[in-house]
C-alpha cells in the first residue's frame, strides 16, 4: 500500500480513537474504550509501516500536525468546544508547515 495512504489511515484512526477516548468517560464506557484501543492500535501499526518509507521526522510532523487540526475540528463540531482566533491561526500555521514539507522539502520522501 502507498505510504501516504497508510499515513492518511493512521491519522484518521488516531482522530477516531481520540474522539472515542473523549466519549469513553475516563475509560468507563466499554464501546468507546474499545474503539479507542483499536483505533490507536491501527494508527500505530500503520504509522510503523510508513516509517520504513518516509523519514521519521517528516512522518511525525505530518501525523501530529494534521491530527491536531482534525481533532480540534472534531471537538468543535461534536463537542461544541470553542476555537478562538489564536487557535485557528495556530492551526493554519500547522497546515502551512505540513504543506511546506510536502511541496518544498526533499526530506519528505516522495
N, C-alpha and C. Protein backbone atom coordinates (compact mmCIF):
# COMPACT_ATOMS: atom_id res chain seq x y z
N UNK A 1 0.85 -1.17 0.00
CA UNK A 1 0.00 0.00 0.00
C UNK A 1 0.90 1.24 0.00
N UNK A 2 0.47 2.29 -0.66
CA UNK A 2 1.25 3.52 -0.77
C UNK A 2 1.45 4.13 0.63
N UNK A 3 2.68 4.56 0.94
CA UNK A 3 2.96 5.09 2.29
C UNK A 3 2.06 6.26 2.69
N UNK A 4 1.73 7.14 1.76
CA UNK A 4 0.88 8.28 2.13
C UNK A 4 -0.57 7.87 2.36
N UNK A 5 -1.01 6.81 1.73
CA UNK A 5 -2.35 6.28 2.03
C UNK A 5 -2.36 5.69 3.43
N UNK A 6 -1.30 4.94 3.76
CA UNK A 6 -1.19 4.40 5.12
C UNK A 6 -1.11 5.51 6.16
N UNK A 7 -0.41 6.58 5.83
CA UNK A 7 -0.31 7.71 6.75
C UNK A 7 -1.69 8.35 6.95
N UNK A 8 -2.45 8.48 5.88
CA UNK A 8 -3.81 9.01 5.99
C UNK A 8 -4.70 8.13 6.86
N UNK A 9 -4.59 6.81 6.67
CA UNK A 9 -5.36 5.87 7.50
C UNK A 9 -4.95 6.01 8.96
N UNK A 10 -3.66 6.14 9.20
CA UNK A 10 -3.15 6.30 10.56
C UNK A 10 -3.70 7.57 11.21
N UNK A 11 -3.71 8.65 10.47
CA UNK A 11 -4.22 9.93 11.00
C UNK A 11 -5.71 9.81 11.32
N UNK A 12 -6.47 9.24 10.41
CA UNK A 12 -7.92 9.09 10.65
C UNK A 12 -8.19 8.16 11.83
N UNK A 13 -7.43 7.07 11.93
CA UNK A 13 -7.61 6.14 13.05
C UNK A 13 -7.30 6.83 14.38
N UNK A 14 -6.27 7.66 14.39
CA UNK A 14 -5.91 8.38 15.61
C UNK A 14 -6.98 9.39 15.99
N UNK A 15 -7.54 10.07 15.01
CA UNK A 15 -8.59 11.06 15.29
C UNK A 15 -9.84 10.36 15.81
N UNK A 16 -10.20 9.25 15.21
CA UNK A 16 -11.36 8.47 15.69
C UNK A 16 -11.12 7.97 17.10
N UNK A 17 -9.91 7.45 17.36
CA UNK A 17 -9.58 6.93 18.68
C UNK A 17 -9.62 8.03 19.74
N UNK A 18 -9.09 9.20 19.40
CA UNK A 18 -9.10 10.31 20.35
C UNK A 18 -10.52 10.80 20.61
N UNK A 19 -11.33 10.85 19.58
CA UNK A 19 -12.74 11.23 19.75
C UNK A 19 -13.46 10.23 20.64
N UNK A 20 -13.20 8.94 20.42
CA UNK A 20 -13.82 7.90 21.25
C UNK A 20 -13.32 7.99 22.68
N UNK A 21 -12.05 8.36 22.85
CA UNK A 21 -11.50 8.49 24.20
C UNK A 21 -12.26 9.56 24.98
N UNK A 22 -12.58 10.66 24.31
CA UNK A 22 -13.38 11.71 24.96
C UNK A 22 -14.74 11.15 25.38
N UNK A 23 -15.33 10.30 24.52
CA UNK A 23 -16.65 9.73 24.80
C UNK A 23 -16.61 8.57 25.79
N UNK A 24 -15.41 8.08 26.10
CA UNK A 24 -15.31 6.90 26.97
C UNK A 24 -15.53 7.21 28.45
N UNK A 25 -15.60 8.50 28.79
CA UNK A 25 -15.80 8.92 30.19
C UNK A 25 -14.74 8.29 31.10
N UNK A 26 -13.48 8.54 30.76
CA UNK A 26 -12.39 8.02 31.59
C UNK A 26 -12.25 6.51 31.49
N UNK A 27 -12.51 5.96 30.32
CA UNK A 27 -12.46 4.52 30.05
C UNK A 27 -13.46 3.72 30.87
N UNK A 28 -14.59 4.34 31.23
CA UNK A 28 -15.62 3.64 31.99
C UNK A 28 -16.74 3.12 31.09
N UNK A 29 -16.79 3.58 29.83
CA UNK A 29 -17.80 3.09 28.88
C UNK A 29 -17.10 2.15 27.91
N UNK A 30 -17.59 0.91 27.83
CA UNK A 30 -16.90 -0.15 27.09
C UNK A 30 -16.76 0.14 25.60
N UNK A 31 -17.83 0.53 24.94
CA UNK A 31 -17.79 0.72 23.49
C UNK A 31 -16.76 1.76 23.05
N UNK A 32 -16.85 2.98 23.56
CA UNK A 32 -15.85 3.98 23.19
C UNK A 32 -14.44 3.61 23.63
N UNK A 33 -14.32 2.91 24.76
CA UNK A 33 -13.00 2.49 25.23
C UNK A 33 -12.37 1.50 24.26
N UNK A 34 -13.15 0.54 23.80
CA UNK A 34 -12.64 -0.43 22.82
C UNK A 34 -12.29 0.25 21.51
N UNK A 35 -13.12 1.17 21.07
CA UNK A 35 -12.84 1.90 19.84
C UNK A 35 -11.54 2.69 19.97
N UNK A 36 -11.29 3.25 21.14
CA UNK A 36 -10.03 3.97 21.36
C UNK A 36 -8.84 3.03 21.25
N UNK A 37 -8.90 1.91 21.92
CA UNK A 37 -7.78 0.95 21.90
C UNK A 37 -7.55 0.44 20.48
N UNK A 38 -8.61 0.06 19.79
CA UNK A 38 -8.47 -0.44 18.42
C UNK A 38 -7.98 0.65 17.48
N UNK A 39 -8.51 1.85 17.63
CA UNK A 39 -8.10 2.96 16.77
C UNK A 39 -6.63 3.31 16.95
N UNK A 40 -6.19 3.38 18.20
CA UNK A 40 -4.77 3.68 18.44
C UNK A 40 -3.89 2.53 17.94
N UNK A 41 -4.35 1.30 18.12
CA UNK A 41 -3.59 0.16 17.61
C UNK A 41 -3.41 0.24 16.10
N UNK A 42 -4.49 0.52 15.38
CA UNK A 42 -4.42 0.65 13.92
C UNK A 42 -3.54 1.84 13.54
N UNK A 43 -3.69 2.95 14.26
CA UNK A 43 -2.90 4.15 13.96
C UNK A 43 -1.41 3.86 14.09
N UNK A 44 -1.01 3.22 15.17
CA UNK A 44 0.42 2.96 15.37
C UNK A 44 0.94 1.86 14.44
N UNK A 45 0.11 0.89 14.11
CA UNK A 45 0.53 -0.13 13.15
C UNK A 45 0.82 0.52 11.80
N UNK A 46 -0.13 1.32 11.32
CA UNK A 46 0.07 1.99 10.03
C UNK A 46 1.25 2.94 10.08
N UNK A 47 1.38 3.67 11.19
CA UNK A 47 2.48 4.61 11.34
C UNK A 47 3.82 3.88 11.29
N UNK A 48 3.90 2.72 11.91
CA UNK A 48 5.16 1.96 11.89
C UNK A 48 5.51 1.50 10.48
N UNK A 49 4.51 1.18 9.68
CA UNK A 49 4.76 0.77 8.30
C UNK A 49 5.22 1.94 7.44
N UNK A 50 4.66 3.11 7.68
CA UNK A 50 5.02 4.31 6.92
C UNK A 50 6.47 4.69 7.18
N UNK A 51 6.93 4.51 8.40
CA UNK A 51 8.27 4.95 8.78
C UNK A 51 9.38 4.17 8.08
N UNK A 52 9.05 3.07 7.44
CA UNK A 52 10.09 2.36 6.67
C UNK A 52 10.21 2.95 5.25
N UNK A 53 9.37 3.93 4.92
CA UNK A 53 9.40 4.54 3.58
C UNK A 53 9.66 6.05 3.60
N UNK A 54 9.26 6.71 4.68
CA UNK A 54 9.37 8.17 4.78
C UNK A 54 10.14 8.47 6.06
N UNK A 55 11.02 9.48 6.06
CA UNK A 55 11.78 9.81 7.27
C UNK A 55 10.88 10.06 8.48
N UNK A 56 11.35 9.59 9.62
CA UNK A 56 10.57 9.64 10.86
C UNK A 56 10.11 11.04 11.21
N UNK A 57 10.99 12.03 11.12
CA UNK A 57 10.62 13.40 11.47
C UNK A 57 9.51 13.94 10.59
N UNK A 58 9.58 13.61 9.30
CA UNK A 58 8.55 14.07 8.36
C UNK A 58 7.23 13.38 8.67
N UNK A 59 7.28 12.07 8.90
CA UNK A 59 6.06 11.32 9.23
C UNK A 59 5.41 11.90 10.47
N UNK A 60 6.20 12.11 11.51
CA UNK A 60 5.62 12.58 12.75
C UNK A 60 5.09 14.00 12.63
N UNK A 61 5.78 14.84 11.88
CA UNK A 61 5.30 16.22 11.68
C UNK A 61 3.93 16.21 11.00
N UNK A 62 3.77 15.40 9.97
CA UNK A 62 2.50 15.34 9.25
C UNK A 62 1.43 14.70 10.13
N UNK A 63 1.76 13.57 10.75
CA UNK A 63 0.80 12.83 11.56
C UNK A 63 0.29 13.67 12.74
N UNK A 64 1.21 14.26 13.47
CA UNK A 64 0.78 15.03 14.64
C UNK A 64 0.13 16.35 14.24
N UNK A 65 0.68 17.00 13.22
CA UNK A 65 0.12 18.29 12.79
C UNK A 65 -1.30 18.17 12.28
N UNK A 66 -1.51 17.25 11.36
CA UNK A 66 -2.87 17.08 10.83
C UNK A 66 -3.80 16.49 11.88
N UNK A 67 -3.26 15.64 12.76
CA UNK A 67 -4.07 15.11 13.85
C UNK A 67 -4.58 16.21 14.77
N UNK A 68 -3.71 17.17 15.09
CA UNK A 68 -4.11 18.30 15.94
C UNK A 68 -5.24 19.09 15.29
N UNK A 69 -5.06 19.40 14.02
CA UNK A 69 -6.07 20.18 13.32
C UNK A 69 -7.39 19.41 13.25
N UNK A 70 -7.34 18.15 12.86
CA UNK A 70 -8.58 17.38 12.71
C UNK A 70 -9.28 17.15 14.04
N UNK A 71 -8.54 16.83 15.09
CA UNK A 71 -9.20 16.58 16.37
C UNK A 71 -9.75 17.87 16.95
N UNK A 72 -9.12 19.00 16.65
CA UNK A 72 -9.68 20.29 17.07
C UNK A 72 -11.00 20.56 16.36
N UNK A 73 -11.05 20.24 15.08
CA UNK A 73 -12.30 20.40 14.33
C UNK A 73 -13.38 19.46 14.84
N UNK A 74 -13.01 18.23 15.17
CA UNK A 74 -13.98 17.28 15.73
C UNK A 74 -14.50 17.81 17.07
N UNK A 75 -13.60 18.32 17.90
CA UNK A 75 -14.02 18.88 19.19
C UNK A 75 -14.99 20.03 19.02
N UNK A 76 -14.73 20.85 18.02
CA UNK A 76 -15.62 21.99 17.73
C UNK A 76 -16.97 21.52 17.22
N UNK A 77 -16.97 20.57 16.27
CA UNK A 77 -18.21 20.11 15.66
C UNK A 77 -19.03 19.19 16.57
N UNK A 78 -18.37 18.25 17.24
CA UNK A 78 -19.09 17.24 18.02
C UNK A 78 -19.34 17.66 19.47
N UNK A 79 -18.41 18.40 20.04
CA UNK A 79 -18.49 18.69 21.47
C UNK A 79 -18.70 20.16 21.77
N UNK A 80 -18.84 20.98 20.74
CA UNK A 80 -19.09 22.40 20.94
C UNK A 80 -17.93 23.15 21.55
N UNK A 81 -16.72 22.62 21.47
CA UNK A 81 -15.56 23.30 22.01
C UNK A 81 -15.24 24.52 21.16
N UNK A 82 -14.87 25.59 21.81
CA UNK A 82 -14.64 26.86 21.13
C UNK A 82 -13.20 26.95 20.62
N UNK A 83 -13.06 27.51 19.44
CA UNK A 83 -11.76 27.80 18.87
C UNK A 83 -11.66 29.31 18.69
N UNK A 84 -10.73 29.95 19.41
CA UNK A 84 -10.58 31.39 19.25
C UNK A 84 -9.65 31.69 18.08
N UNK A 85 -9.45 32.97 17.81
CA UNK A 85 -8.65 33.38 16.66
C UNK A 85 -7.22 32.87 16.76
N UNK A 86 -6.64 32.88 17.97
CA UNK A 86 -5.27 32.39 18.14
C UNK A 86 -5.18 30.90 17.83
N UNK A 87 -6.19 30.12 18.26
CA UNK A 87 -6.19 28.69 17.97
C UNK A 87 -6.30 28.42 16.47
N UNK A 88 -7.16 29.17 15.81
CA UNK A 88 -7.31 28.98 14.36
C UNK A 88 -6.07 29.42 13.60
N UNK A 89 -5.44 30.49 14.06
CA UNK A 89 -4.20 30.94 13.42
C UNK A 89 -3.10 29.90 13.61
N UNK A 90 -3.01 29.36 14.80
CA UNK A 90 -2.01 28.32 15.06
C UNK A 90 -2.23 27.09 14.20
N UNK A 91 -3.47 26.68 14.05
CA UNK A 91 -3.76 25.52 13.20
C UNK A 91 -3.48 25.83 11.74
N UNK A 92 -3.74 27.04 11.31
CA UNK A 92 -3.41 27.43 9.93
C UNK A 92 -1.90 27.34 9.72
N UNK A 93 -1.12 27.75 10.71
CA UNK A 93 0.33 27.64 10.60
C UNK A 93 0.78 26.18 10.54
N UNK A 94 0.11 25.31 11.27
CA UNK A 94 0.42 23.88 11.21
C UNK A 94 0.18 23.36 9.80
N UNK A 95 -0.96 23.70 9.23
CA UNK A 95 -1.28 23.24 7.87
C UNK A 95 -0.26 23.79 6.88
N UNK A 96 0.09 25.06 7.02
CA UNK A 96 1.10 25.64 6.13
C UNK A 96 2.44 24.91 6.29
N UNK A 97 2.80 24.59 7.51
CA UNK A 97 4.04 23.85 7.76
C UNK A 97 4.04 22.49 7.08
N UNK A 98 2.94 21.77 7.18
CA UNK A 98 2.83 20.46 6.52
C UNK A 98 2.93 20.64 5.00
N UNK A 99 2.28 21.66 4.47
CA UNK A 99 2.35 21.91 3.02
C UNK A 99 3.77 22.25 2.58
N UNK A 100 4.48 23.04 3.37
CA UNK A 100 5.86 23.38 3.04
C UNK A 100 6.71 22.10 2.99
N UNK A 101 6.54 21.23 3.97
CA UNK A 101 7.28 19.98 3.97
C UNK A 101 6.97 19.17 2.72
N UNK A 102 5.69 19.05 2.41
CA UNK A 102 5.27 18.23 1.26
C UNK A 102 5.68 18.83 -0.08
N UNK A 103 5.58 20.11 -0.22
CA UNK A 103 5.81 20.73 -1.51
C UNK A 103 7.26 21.11 -1.78
N UNK A 104 8.01 21.43 -0.73
CA UNK A 104 9.33 22.01 -0.95
C UNK A 104 10.49 21.23 -0.34
N UNK A 105 10.22 20.31 0.57
CA UNK A 105 11.31 19.62 1.25
C UNK A 105 11.70 18.35 0.50
N UNK A 106 12.99 18.16 0.36
CA UNK A 106 13.49 16.91 -0.22
C UNK A 106 13.47 15.79 0.79
N UNK A 107 13.29 16.12 2.06
CA UNK A 107 13.26 15.13 3.12
C UNK A 107 11.94 14.39 3.20
N UNK A 108 10.92 14.83 2.45
CA UNK A 108 9.59 14.25 2.59
C UNK A 108 9.47 12.85 2.02
N UNK A 109 10.43 12.41 1.25
CA UNK A 109 10.43 11.03 0.79
C UNK A 109 9.52 10.72 -0.37
N UNK A 110 9.08 11.71 -1.12
CA UNK A 110 8.23 11.41 -2.28
C UNK A 110 8.94 11.68 -3.56
